[in-house]
Amino acid sequence: MELNLRETMLSGFPEIKKLGACSPYGETTPFVFNGRLMRLELADPSRGLDACNKSIRAVIRDAQTGGILSEFGKDCYYFSGYQENDTFYVIGTVRKQPAFSGDTYKLFSSRDLLHWEERVLLSNPGWKYFNSALTKGADSYVLAMEAGEPAEYCGVPFTCFFATSTDMVNWTFLDYNKGYPKDRYCGGPWMKYVNGYYYLICVTELPCQRYTNYIYRTKDFDVWEVGLYNPFIMPGNEDRKVSPNAVGLTDDFIENGIKKKFISSASDIDMCEWNGKTYINYNIGDQRGFYYMCEAEYNGTIAELLGNFFI
C-alpha cells in the first residue's frame, strides 16, 4: 500500500545542527579549495560591522584561520560563488548607485583566490536584479536571478528568473513566464542540480515581517514541488550563541547586537560538503539593516539533505 504523503511523514524534518554566529559579514558562499574550508563573504560597512571601514566589496576568507586572502568587486553587491574543477567563480550584481541592485551581473574568476579576472556575465536593461545563484545542469549552466522589476513580469517582488548557457559566455533567458514564484516573496536564491532535479532555496516572507527559507525543486522549470518539511531554517535562540569558529565579532557587537537585537529573519543560505558533513552558512537579522552570519551542519551529503525534504 502506497503511503499518502499528505497524511504520513516518511522521514521527518532533516536535523540541521546550528553552531552559532561566526561573522558580522553578509551573504556568504562556503567552499573547499585545496583542502581548506573557505568563505566568500559580502563586506558592507554601511550595514554590517566592518572595523576597516572600507568600501563595499567581496572578500575571500580562510574559514579555518579567519584570515582574508583577497578583496575585490567594489562596484558590485549581492555576491554568490560557484566552483568548478580548479576555478572559483564569483557573480556580483553591478550596482546602479545609490541602489544596491542593477541590470547587469559581473563574473570574477580565480585559480588561486588571490588574482581575479573579471568580465560582464550578462545584462538585461530595464530589469532590477539582486541576488543570484549558478549551477551546472545536465546539459547547460543555469543562472537563477532574483528580480524586483519590471513589475509586469515579477508579480510579487521578489521573483526568480532563469537563464541558460553552455559556456558561461552566451546566455539565453528562459521565458519570463517561467519565473518562480510570482505569487509571493522569493529572494536570496541558492540553487544546485542533483539527481535530475534543480533544487532552489529562497527566502520567503511570513506574516508580521518574519522571513525564512523554503526549498523547492523542478526538472523543467515548468512544474515545481515544494519541500514537505519546510521551512529550511527558522531564526531562534540558538542563533544568539557564538560559534567557536567566529571571526570579527567584537564584544560590543555580541552584547548589544547578537544578544539583544530583535531577530526575525533567517536568510541567504549557502552550503558545501566538508569533513563528511554538509556545512551551511546563513544570515540572521531583522531585514532592516542588522544582520550577522551563522553556521550550521547536517550529518550527511548535500544530495541527502536536499532529497530528505521531499520524502
C-alpha atoms as a PDB file:
ATOM      1  CA  MET A   1       0.000   0.000   0.000  1.00  0.00           C
ATOM      2  CA  GLU A   2       1.401   3.387  -1.019  1.00  0.00           C
ATOM      3  CA  LEU A   3       1.536   5.859   1.838  1.00  0.00           C
ATOM      4  CA  ASN A   4      -0.213   9.183   1.414  1.00  0.00           C
ATOM      5  CA  LEU A   5       2.411  11.912   1.830  1.00  0.00           C
ATOM      6  CA  ARG A   6      -0.285  14.344   2.919  1.00  0.00           C
ATOM      7  CA  GLU A   7      -1.005  12.213   5.971  1.00  0.00           C
ATOM      8  CA  THR A   8       2.222  10.396   6.776  1.00  0.00           C
ATOM      9  CA  MET A   9       5.723  11.774   7.395  1.00  0.00           C
ATOM     10  CA  LEU A  10       8.068   9.228   5.879  1.00  0.00           C
ATOM     11  CA  SER A  11      11.330  10.749   7.038  1.00  0.00           C
ATOM     12  CA  GLY A  12      10.586  13.704   9.300  1.00  0.00           C
ATOM     13  CA  PHE A  13      12.308  17.066   9.389  1.00  0.00           C
ATOM     14  CA  PRO A  14      16.014  16.877   8.419  1.00  0.00           C
ATOM     15  CA  GLU A  15      18.124  17.557  11.504  1.00  0.00           C
ATOM     16  CA  ILE A  16      20.278  20.624  10.957  1.00  0.00           C
ATOM     17  CA  LYS A  17      22.545  21.440  13.890  1.00  0.00           C
ATOM     18  CA  LYS A  18      23.090  25.154  14.489  1.00  0.00           C
ATOM     19  CA  LEU A  19      26.643  26.086  15.537  1.00  0.00           C
ATOM     20  CA  GLY A  20      26.168  29.807  16.204  1.00  0.00           C
ATOM     21  CA  ALA A  21      27.256  33.217  14.921  1.00  0.00           C
ATOM     22  CA  CYS A  22      30.530  33.185  13.012  1.00  0.00           C
ATOM     23  CA  SER A  23      30.956  36.550  11.227  1.00  0.00           C
ATOM     24  CA  PRO A  24      29.430  40.041  11.055  1.00  0.00           C
ATOM     25  CA  TYR A  25      29.540  39.961   7.259  1.00  0.00           C
ATOM     26  CA  GLY A  26      26.716  39.340   4.789  1.00  0.00           C
ATOM     27  CA  GLU A  27      25.727  36.922   2.031  1.00  0.00           C
ATOM     28  CA  THR A  28      28.159  34.036   2.006  1.00  0.00           C
ATOM     29  CA  THR A  29      29.255  31.085  -0.129  1.00  0.00           C
ATOM     30  CA  PRO A  30      31.294  28.442   1.709  1.00  0.00           C
ATOM     31  CA  PHE A  31      33.518  26.207  -0.431  1.00  0.00           C
ATOM     32  CA  VAL A  32      36.516  23.900  -0.178  1.00  0.00           C
ATOM     33  CA  PHE A  33      39.679  24.941  -2.011  1.00  0.00           C
ATOM     34  CA  ASN A  34      42.882  22.918  -1.909  1.00  0.00           C
ATOM     35  CA  GLY A  35      41.562  21.007   1.077  1.00  0.00           C
ATOM     36  CA  ARG A  36      40.674  24.067   3.145  1.00  0.00           C
ATOM     37  CA  LEU A  37      37.268  25.455   4.103  1.00  0.00           C
ATOM     38  CA  MET A  38      36.896  28.929   2.617  1.00  0.00           C
ATOM     39  CA  ARG A  39      34.121  31.529   2.503  1.00  0.00           C
ATOM     40  CA  LEU A  40      33.131  34.186   0.010  1.00  0.00           C
ATOM     41  CA  GLU A  41      31.593  36.985   2.087  1.00  0.00           C
ATOM     42  CA  LEU A  42      29.913  40.315   1.384  1.00  0.00           C
ATOM     43  CA  ALA A  43      31.582  43.085   3.371  1.00  0.00           C
ATOM     44  CA  ASP A  44      29.268  46.078   3.679  1.00  0.00           C
ATOM     45  CA  PRO A  45      30.429  48.809   6.085  1.00  0.00           C
ATOM     46  CA  SER A  46      27.165  50.722   5.604  1.00  0.00           C
ATOM     47  CA  ARG A  47      25.132  47.893   7.202  1.00  0.00           C
ATOM     48  CA  GLY A  48      27.288  45.292   8.863  1.00  0.00           C
ATOM     49  CA  LEU A  49      30.204  45.623  11.253  1.00  0.00           C
ATOM     50  CA  ASP A  50      33.438  46.398   9.399  1.00  0.00           C
ATOM     51  CA  ALA A  51      36.316  47.561  11.553  1.00  0.00           C
ATOM     52  CA  CYS A  52      38.382  48.506   8.495  1.00  0.00           C
ATOM     53  CA  ASN A  53      35.629  50.834   7.275  1.00  0.00           C
ATOM     54  CA  LYS A  54      36.447  50.125   3.639  1.00  0.00           C
ATOM     55  CA  SER A  55      34.107  50.185   0.657  1.00  0.00           C
ATOM     56  CA  ILE A  56      31.500  47.554  -0.117  1.00  0.00           C
ATOM     57  CA  ARG A  57      33.317  44.540  -1.551  1.00  0.00           C
ATOM     58  CA  ALA A  58      33.671  40.778  -1.711  1.00  0.00           C
ATOM     59  CA  VAL A  59      36.239  39.058   0.491  1.00  0.00           C
ATOM     60  CA  ILE A  60      37.671  35.552   0.402  1.00  0.00           C
ATOM     61  CA  ARG A  61      38.248  34.261   3.918  1.00  0.00           C
ATOM     62  CA  ASP A  62      40.038  31.174   5.169  1.00  0.00           C
ATOM     63  CA  ALA A  63      37.305  29.893   7.482  1.00  0.00           C
ATOM     64  CA  GLN A  64      39.797  27.852   9.492  1.00  0.00           C
ATOM     65  CA  THR A  65      42.144  30.716  10.366  1.00  0.00           C
ATOM     66  CA  GLY A  66      39.850  33.712   9.851  1.00  0.00           C
ATOM     67  CA  GLY A  67      42.401  35.333   7.549  1.00  0.00           C
ATOM     68  CA  ILE A  68      41.325  37.236   4.432  1.00  0.00           C
ATOM     69  CA  LEU A  69      43.087  36.215   1.232  1.00  0.00           C
ATOM     70  CA  SER A  70      41.747  38.790  -1.214  1.00  0.00           C
ATOM     71  CA  GLU A  71      39.208  41.578  -1.706  1.00  0.00           C
ATOM     72  CA  PHE A  72      37.549  42.638  -4.971  1.00  0.00           C
ATOM     73  CA  GLY A  73      34.267  43.627  -6.637  1.00  0.00           C
ATOM     74  CA  LYS A  74      33.976  47.164  -5.284  1.00  0.00           C
ATOM     75  CA  ASP A  75      31.391  48.112  -7.924  1.00  0.00           C
ATOM     76  CA  CYS A  76      29.120  45.174  -7.090  1.00  0.00           C
ATOM     77  CA  TYR A  77      26.810  43.821  -4.413  1.00  0.00           C
ATOM     78  CA  TYR A  78      24.962  40.524  -3.706  1.00  0.00           C
ATOM     79  CA  PHE A  79      27.879  38.174  -4.334  1.00  0.00           C
ATOM     80  CA  SER A  80      27.449  34.444  -4.907  1.00  0.00           C
ATOM     81  CA  GLY A  81      30.008  31.753  -5.683  1.00  0.00           C
ATOM     82  CA  TYR A  82      30.310  28.708  -7.923  1.00  0.00           C
ATOM     83  CA  GLN A  83      33.206  26.248  -8.071  1.00  0.00           C
ATOM     84  CA  GLU A  84      34.206  24.007 -10.963  1.00  0.00           C
ATOM     85  CA  ASN A  85      37.429  21.995 -11.097  1.00  0.00           C
ATOM     86  CA  ASP A  86      40.296  24.285 -10.015  1.00  0.00           C
ATOM     87  CA  THR A  87      38.468  27.567 -10.638  1.00  0.00           C
ATOM     88  CA  PHE A  88      36.271  29.545  -8.274  1.00  0.00           C
ATOM     89  CA  TYR A  89      33.753  31.920  -9.824  1.00  0.00           C
ATOM     90  CA  VAL A  90      32.030  34.865  -8.152  1.00  0.00           C
ATOM     91  CA  ILE A  91      28.951  36.594  -9.518  1.00  0.00           C
ATOM     92  CA  GLY A  92      28.272  40.148  -8.416  1.00  0.00           C
ATOM     93  CA  THR A  93      25.365  42.449  -9.217  1.00  0.00           C
ATOM     94  CA  VAL A  94      26.733  45.661 -10.721  1.00  0.00           C
ATOM     95  CA  ARG A  95      25.237  48.456  -8.646  1.00  0.00           C
ATOM     96  CA  LYS A  96      23.327  51.364 -10.108  1.00  0.00           C
ATOM     97  CA  GLN A  97      24.261  53.621  -7.229  1.00  0.00           C
ATOM     98  CA  PRO A  98      22.929  54.630  -4.806  1.00  0.00           C
ATOM     99  CA  ALA A  99      20.836  51.464  -5.109  1.00  0.00           C
ATOM    100  CA  PHE A 100      22.375  48.065  -4.371  1.00  0.00           C
ATOM    101  CA  SER A 101      20.642  46.451  -7.361  1.00  0.00           C
ATOM    102  CA  GLY A 102      21.256  46.726 -11.108  1.00  0.00           C
ATOM    103  CA  ASP A 103      20.530  45.209 -14.522  1.00  0.00           C
ATOM    104  CA  THR A 104      23.943  43.596 -15.036  1.00  0.00           C
ATOM    105  CA  TYR A 105      25.849  40.715 -13.484  1.00  0.00           C
ATOM    106  CA  LYS A 106      29.644  40.604 -13.479  1.00  0.00           C
ATOM    107  CA  LEU A 107      31.712  37.411 -13.299  1.00  0.00           C
ATOM    108  CA  PHE A 108      35.000  37.173 -11.391  1.00  0.00           C
ATOM    109  CA  SER A 109      37.210  34.079 -11.648  1.00  0.00           C
ATOM    110  CA  SER A 110      40.403  32.863  -9.997  1.00  0.00           C
ATOM    111  CA  ARG A 111      42.533  29.728  -9.753  1.00  0.00           C
ATOM    112  CA  ASP A 112      44.428  30.845  -6.658  1.00  0.00           C
ATOM    113  CA  LEU A 113      41.876  33.073  -4.820  1.00  0.00           C
ATOM    114  CA  LEU A 114      44.430  35.877  -4.953  1.00  0.00           C
ATOM    115  CA  HIS A 115      44.316  37.137  -8.530  1.00  0.00           C
ATOM    116  CA  TRP A 116      40.973  37.743 -10.222  1.00  0.00           C
ATOM    117  CA  GLU A 117      39.826  38.157 -13.798  1.00  0.00           C
ATOM    118  CA  GLU A 118      36.513  39.865 -14.440  1.00  0.00           C
ATOM    119  CA  ARG A 119      34.013  40.405 -17.244  1.00  0.00           C
ATOM    120  CA  VAL A 120      30.326  41.093 -17.732  1.00  0.00           C
ATOM    121  CA  LEU A 121      28.373  37.866 -17.346  1.00  0.00           C
ATOM    122  CA  LEU A 122      25.035  39.088 -18.716  1.00  0.00           C
ATOM    123  CA  SER A 123      22.920  42.212 -18.884  1.00  0.00           C
ATOM    124  CA  ASN A 124      19.196  42.841 -19.241  1.00  0.00           C
ATOM    125  CA  PRO A 125      18.421  46.580 -19.483  1.00  0.00           C
ATOM    126  CA  GLY A 126      15.375  47.704 -17.560  1.00  0.00           C
ATOM    127  CA  TRP A 127      15.499  44.880 -15.027  1.00  0.00           C
ATOM    128  CA  LYS A 128      16.342  45.238 -11.354  1.00  0.00           C
ATOM    129  CA  TYR A 129      18.437  42.271 -10.203  1.00  0.00           C
ATOM    130  CA  PHE A 130      19.570  41.408  -6.712  1.00  0.00           C
ATOM    131  CA  ASN A 131      20.981  38.021  -5.619  1.00  0.00           C
ATOM    132  CA  SER A 132      21.952  35.206  -7.980  1.00  0.00           C
ATOM    133  CA  ALA A 133      22.862  31.504  -7.961  1.00  0.00           C
ATOM    134  CA  LEU A 134      24.679  29.423 -10.568  1.00  0.00           C
ATOM    135  CA  THR A 135      24.656  25.668 -11.054  1.00  0.00           C
ATOM    136  CA  LYS A 136      25.582  23.209 -13.810  1.00  0.00           C
ATOM    137  CA  GLY A 137      22.732  21.016 -15.013  1.00  0.00           C
ATOM    138  CA  ALA A 138      22.540  18.035 -17.318  1.00  0.00           C
ATOM    139  CA  ASP A 139      23.490  19.916 -20.478  1.00  0.00           C
ATOM    140  CA  SER A 140      23.964  23.568 -19.549  1.00  0.00           C
ATOM    141  CA  TYR A 141      24.667  26.054 -16.811  1.00  0.00           C
ATOM    142  CA  VAL A 142      21.619  27.647 -15.214  1.00  0.00           C
ATOM    143  CA  LEU A 143      21.662  31.046 -13.546  1.00  0.00           C
ATOM    144  CA  ALA A 144      18.907  31.970 -11.093  1.00  0.00           C
ATOM    145  CA  MET A 145      18.336  35.717 -10.837  1.00  0.00           C
ATOM    146  CA  GLU A 146      16.327  37.454  -8.135  1.00  0.00           C
ATOM    147  CA  ALA A 147      14.400  40.336  -9.704  1.00  0.00           C
ATOM    148  CA  GLY A 148      12.124  43.082  -8.394  1.00  0.00           C
ATOM    149  CA  GLU A 149      11.307  44.859 -11.658  1.00  0.00           C
ATOM    150  CA  PRO A 150       9.754  45.089 -14.272  1.00  0.00           C
ATOM    151  CA  ALA A 151       6.502  44.747 -12.354  1.00  0.00           C
ATOM    152  CA  GLU A 152       4.649  43.218 -15.309  1.00  0.00           C
ATOM    153  CA  TYR A 153       6.910  40.151 -15.118  1.00  0.00           C
ATOM    154  CA  CYS A 154       7.858  39.965 -11.452  1.00  0.00           C
ATOM    155  CA  GLY A 155       4.467  39.760  -9.790  1.00  0.00           C
ATOM    156  CA  VAL A 156       5.004  39.978  -6.016  1.00  0.00           C
ATOM    157  CA  PRO A 157       8.602  41.102  -5.501  1.00  0.00           C
ATOM    158  CA  PHE A 158      10.795  39.232  -5.463  1.00  0.00           C
ATOM    159  CA  THR A 159      10.746  36.537  -8.165  1.00  0.00           C
ATOM    160  CA  CYS A 160      13.436  34.187  -9.520  1.00  0.00           C
ATOM    161  CA  PHE A 161      14.055  34.122 -13.260  1.00  0.00           C
ATOM    162  CA  PHE A 162      16.444  31.862 -15.123  1.00  0.00           C
ATOM    163  CA  ALA A 163      18.966  31.886 -17.957  1.00  0.00           C
ATOM    164  CA  THR A 164      20.957  29.043 -19.530  1.00  0.00           C
ATOM    165  CA  SER A 165      24.356  28.784 -21.194  1.00  0.00           C
ATOM    166  CA  THR A 166      26.678  26.048 -22.430  1.00  0.00           C
ATOM    167  CA  ASP A 167      29.829  28.123 -21.978  1.00  0.00           C
ATOM    168  CA  MET A 168      29.036  30.845 -19.375  1.00  0.00           C
ATOM    169  CA  VAL A 169      29.539  33.393 -22.165  1.00  0.00           C
ATOM    170  CA  ASN A 170      26.428  33.236 -24.331  1.00  0.00           C
ATOM    171  CA  TRP A 171      23.188  33.222 -22.357  1.00  0.00           C
ATOM    172  CA  THR A 172      19.562  32.548 -23.234  1.00  0.00           C
ATOM    173  CA  PHE A 173      16.845  33.830 -20.921  1.00  0.00           C
ATOM    174  CA  LEU A 174      14.112  31.327 -20.207  1.00  0.00           C
ATOM    175  CA  ASP A 175      10.581  32.504 -20.929  1.00  0.00           C
ATOM    176  CA  TYR A 176       9.742  35.127 -18.327  1.00  0.00           C
ATOM    177  CA  ASN A 177       6.517  33.220 -17.646  1.00  0.00           C
ATOM    178  CA  LYS A 178       8.728  30.556 -16.059  1.00  0.00           C
ATOM    179  CA  GLY A 179       9.660  32.998 -13.286  1.00  0.00           C
ATOM    180  CA  TYR A 180       9.005  31.365  -9.922  1.00  0.00           C
ATOM    181  CA  PRO A 181       7.134  32.001  -7.730  1.00  0.00           C
ATOM    182  CA  LYS A 182       5.180  35.075  -8.777  1.00  0.00           C
ATOM    183  CA  ASP A 183       2.521  34.955  -6.070  1.00  0.00           C
ATOM    184  CA  ARG A 184       4.811  35.504  -3.059  1.00  0.00           C
ATOM    185  CA  TYR A 185       8.111  36.988  -1.925  1.00  0.00           C
ATOM    186  CA  CYS A 186      11.037  34.853  -3.110  1.00  0.00           C
ATOM    187  CA  GLY A 187      14.569  36.230  -2.680  1.00  0.00           C
ATOM    188  CA  GLY A 188      18.177  35.283  -1.981  1.00  0.00           C
ATOM    189  CA  PRO A 189      18.262  32.133  -4.158  1.00  0.00           C
ATOM    190  CA  TRP A 190      20.572  29.140  -3.763  1.00  0.00           C
ATOM    191  CA  MET A 191      20.399  26.511  -6.491  1.00  0.00           C
ATOM    192  CA  LYS A 192      22.002  23.135  -7.192  1.00  0.00           C
ATOM    193  CA  TYR A 193      21.380  20.388  -9.740  1.00  0.00           C
ATOM    194  CA  VAL A 194      21.238  16.995  -8.033  1.00  0.00           C
ATOM    195  CA  ASN A 195      19.914  13.640  -9.296  1.00  0.00           C
ATOM    196  CA  GLY A 196      17.886  15.129 -12.138  1.00  0.00           C
ATOM    197  CA  TYR A 197      16.351  17.979 -10.122  1.00  0.00           C
ATOM    198  CA  TYR A 198      17.150  21.664  -9.837  1.00  0.00           C
ATOM    199  CA  TYR A 199      16.813  22.409  -6.139  1.00  0.00           C
ATOM    200  CA  LEU A 200      16.071  26.018  -5.232  1.00  0.00           C
ATOM    201  CA  ILE A 201      16.167  27.513  -1.737  1.00  0.00           C
ATOM    202  CA  CYS A 202      14.752  31.012  -1.379  1.00  0.00           C
ATOM    203  CA  VAL A 203      13.846  33.489   1.320  1.00  0.00           C
ATOM    204  CA  THR A 204      10.104  33.820   1.778  1.00  0.00           C
ATOM    205  CA  GLU A 205       8.124  36.331   3.823  1.00  0.00           C
ATOM    206  CA  LEU A 206       5.822  35.169   6.582  1.00  0.00           C
ATOM    207  CA  PRO A 207       3.208  37.304   8.396  1.00  0.00           C
ATOM    208  CA  CYS A 208       4.371  40.028  10.807  1.00  0.00           C
ATOM    209  CA  GLN A 209       7.605  40.684   8.855  1.00  0.00           C
ATOM    210  CA  ARG A 210       9.145  37.310   9.576  1.00  0.00           C
ATOM    211  CA  TYR A 211      11.454  35.741   6.989  1.00  0.00           C
ATOM    212  CA  THR A 212      12.644  32.202   6.496  1.00  0.00           C
ATOM    213  CA  ASN A 213      13.858  29.819   3.768  1.00  0.00           C
ATOM    214  CA  TYR A 214      11.754  27.422   1.716  1.00  0.00           C
ATOM    215  CA  ILE A 215      13.082  24.673  -0.539  1.00  0.00           C
ATOM    216  CA  TYR A 216      11.616  23.799  -3.944  1.00  0.00           C
ATOM    217  CA  ARG A 217      12.636  21.594  -6.854  1.00  0.00           C
ATOM    218  CA  THR A 218      11.892  21.177 -10.551  1.00  0.00           C
ATOM    219  CA  LYS A 219      13.043  19.144 -13.518  1.00  0.00           C
ATOM    220  CA  ASP A 220      11.921  21.501 -16.274  1.00  0.00           C
ATOM    221  CA  PHE A 221      11.175  24.943 -14.721  1.00  0.00           C
ATOM    222  CA  ASP A 222       7.502  24.378 -15.535  1.00  0.00           C
ATOM    223  CA  VAL A 223       6.381  22.079 -12.729  1.00  0.00           C
ATOM    224  CA  TRP A 224       7.614  22.769  -9.209  1.00  0.00           C
ATOM    225  CA  GLU A 225       7.439  20.796  -5.974  1.00  0.00           C
ATOM    226  CA  VAL A 226       7.503  22.432  -2.552  1.00  0.00           C
ATOM    227  CA  GLY A 227       9.522  20.617   0.110  1.00  0.00           C
ATOM    228  CA  LEU A 228       7.350  18.644   2.531  1.00  0.00           C
ATOM    229  CA  TYR A 229       9.378  19.624   5.589  1.00  0.00           C
ATOM    230  CA  ASN A 230       9.722  23.356   5.093  1.00  0.00           C
ATOM    231  CA  PRO A 231      10.869  25.757   6.374  1.00  0.00           C
ATOM    232  CA  PHE A 232      14.563  25.002   5.890  1.00  0.00           C
ATOM    233  CA  ILE A 233      15.836  27.103   8.826  1.00  0.00           C
ATOM    234  CA  MET A 234      13.962  29.437  11.159  1.00  0.00           C
ATOM    235  CA  PRO A 235      15.563  32.133  13.362  1.00  0.00           C
ATOM    236  CA  GLY A 236      15.789  31.184  17.025  1.00  0.00           C
ATOM    237  CA  ASN A 237      17.667  31.492  20.284  1.00  0.00           C
ATOM    238  CA  GLU A 238      20.394  29.136  19.070  1.00  0.00           C
ATOM    239  CA  ASP A 239      21.410  31.882  16.642  1.00  0.00           C
ATOM    240  CA  ARG A 240      22.396  34.090  19.594  1.00  0.00           C
ATOM    241  CA  LYS A 241      25.239  31.845  20.693  1.00  0.00           C
ATOM    242  CA  VAL A 242      28.706  32.492  19.314  1.00  0.00           C
ATOM    243  CA  SER A 243      30.431  29.758  17.365  1.00  0.00           C
ATOM    244  CA  PRO A 244      33.929  28.749  18.484  1.00  0.00           C
ATOM    245  CA  ASN A 245      34.902  29.436  14.851  1.00  0.00           C
ATOM    246  CA  ALA A 246      33.755  33.071  14.968  1.00  0.00           C
ATOM    247  CA  VAL A 247      35.878  35.881  13.499  1.00  0.00           C
ATOM    248  CA  GLY A 248      35.396  39.646  13.582  1.00  0.00           C
ATOM    249  CA  LEU A 249      32.679  39.699  16.259  1.00  0.00           C
ATOM    250  CA  THR A 250      33.554  42.404  18.762  1.00  0.00           C
ATOM    251  CA  ASP A 251      32.372  42.270  22.367  1.00  0.00           C
ATOM    252  CA  ASP A 252      30.091  45.252  21.722  1.00  0.00           C
ATOM    253  CA  PHE A 253      28.524  43.620  18.643  1.00  0.00           C
ATOM    254  CA  ILE A 254      27.929  40.419  20.586  1.00  0.00           C
ATOM    255  CA  GLU A 255      26.499  42.036  23.730  1.00  0.00           C
ATOM    256  CA  ASN A 256      24.457  44.833  22.143  1.00  0.00           C
ATOM    257  CA  GLY A 257      23.705  43.224  18.795  1.00  0.00           C
ATOM    258  CA  ILE A 258      23.562  39.438  18.754  1.00  0.00           C
ATOM    259  CA  LYS A 259      22.266  39.045  22.316  1.00  0.00           C
ATOM    260  CA  LYS A 260      19.817  41.982  22.360  1.00  0.00           C
ATOM    261  CA  LYS A 261      18.605  42.900  18.875  1.00  0.00           C
ATOM    262  CA  PHE A 262      15.288  41.562  17.679  1.00  0.00           C
ATOM    263  CA  ILE A 263      15.864  38.815  15.117  1.00  0.00           C
ATOM    264  CA  SER A 264      13.063  37.933  12.720  1.00  0.00           C
ATOM    265  CA  SER A 265      14.870  36.596   9.669  1.00  0.00           C
ATOM    266  CA  ALA A 266      16.936  33.592   8.584  1.00  0.00           C
ATOM    267  CA  SER A 267      18.039  34.163   5.006  1.00  0.00           C
ATOM    268  CA  ASP A 268      20.605  33.701   2.223  1.00  0.00           C
ATOM    269  CA  ILE A 269      21.509  30.069   2.741  1.00  0.00           C
ATOM    270  CA  ASP A 270      24.545  28.535   1.057  1.00  0.00           C
ATOM    271  CA  MET A 271      26.410  25.306   1.696  1.00  0.00           C
ATOM    272  CA  CYS A 272      29.218  22.919   0.780  1.00  0.00           C
ATOM    273  CA  GLU A 273      30.442  19.499   1.857  1.00  0.00           C
ATOM    274  CA  TRP A 274      33.204  19.485   4.475  1.00  0.00           C
ATOM    275  CA  ASN A 275      34.641  16.727   6.670  1.00  0.00           C
ATOM    276  CA  GLY A 276      31.922  14.255   5.732  1.00  0.00           C
ATOM    277  CA  LYS A 277      29.081  16.663   6.545  1.00  0.00           C
ATOM    278  CA  THR A 278      27.196  19.495   4.879  1.00  0.00           C
ATOM    279  CA  TYR A 279      28.463  22.844   6.129  1.00  0.00           C
ATOM    280  CA  ILE A 280      25.823  25.594   5.979  1.00  0.00           C
ATOM    281  CA  ASN A 281      26.019  29.376   6.261  1.00  0.00           C
ATOM    282  CA  TYR A 282      23.017  31.673   6.623  1.00  0.00           C
ATOM    283  CA  ASN A 283      22.246  35.224   7.742  1.00  0.00           C
ATOM    284  CA  ILE A 284      20.303  36.109  10.865  1.00  0.00           C
ATOM    285  CA  GLY A 285      18.853  39.587  11.300  1.00  0.00           C
ATOM    286  CA  ASP A 286      15.810  41.809  11.000  1.00  0.00           C
ATOM    287  CA  GLN A 287      15.744  42.633   7.240  1.00  0.00           C
ATOM    288  CA  ARG A 288      16.180  46.284   8.236  1.00  0.00           C
ATOM    289  CA  GLY A 289      19.960  46.527   8.168  1.00  0.00           C
ATOM    290  CA  PHE A 290      21.011  44.450  11.178  1.00  0.00           C
ATOM    291  CA  TYR A 291      22.442  41.027  10.364  1.00  0.00           C
ATOM    292  CA  TYR A 292      25.232  38.586  11.022  1.00  0.00           C
ATOM    293  CA  MET A 293      26.348  35.241   9.660  1.00  0.00           C
ATOM    294  CA  CYS A 294      25.706  31.924  11.338  1.00  0.00           C
ATOM    295  CA  GLU A 295      26.895  28.420  10.580  1.00  0.00           C
ATOM    296  CA  ALA A 296      25.268  25.005  10.877  1.00  0.00           C
ATOM    297  CA  GLU A 297      25.897  21.441   9.786  1.00  0.00           C
ATOM    298  CA  TYR A 298      23.987  18.421   8.554  1.00  0.00           C
ATOM    299  CA  ASN A 299      25.310  14.908   9.126  1.00  0.00           C
ATOM    300  CA  GLY A 300      25.211  13.795   5.501  1.00  0.00           C
ATOM    301  CA  THR A 301      25.804  14.909   1.929  1.00  0.00           C
ATOM    302  CA  ILE A 302      24.110  17.813   0.189  1.00  0.00           C
ATOM    303  CA  ALA A 303      22.203  15.364  -2.009  1.00  0.00           C
ATOM    304  CA  GLU A 304      20.890  13.567   1.062  1.00  0.00           C
ATOM    305  CA  LEU A 305      19.921  16.797   2.772  1.00  0.00           C
ATOM    306  CA  LEU A 306      18.031  18.158  -0.237  1.00  0.00           C
ATOM    307  CA  GLY A 307      16.331  14.893  -1.055  1.00  0.00           C
ATOM    308  CA  ASN A 308      15.152  14.354   2.517  1.00  0.00           C
ATOM    309  CA  PHE A 309      12.929  17.424   2.265  1.00  0.00           C
ATOM    310  CA  PHE A 310      10.805  15.630  -0.345  1.00  0.00           C
ATOM    311  CA  ILE A 311      10.314  12.081   1.007  1.00  0.00           C
END
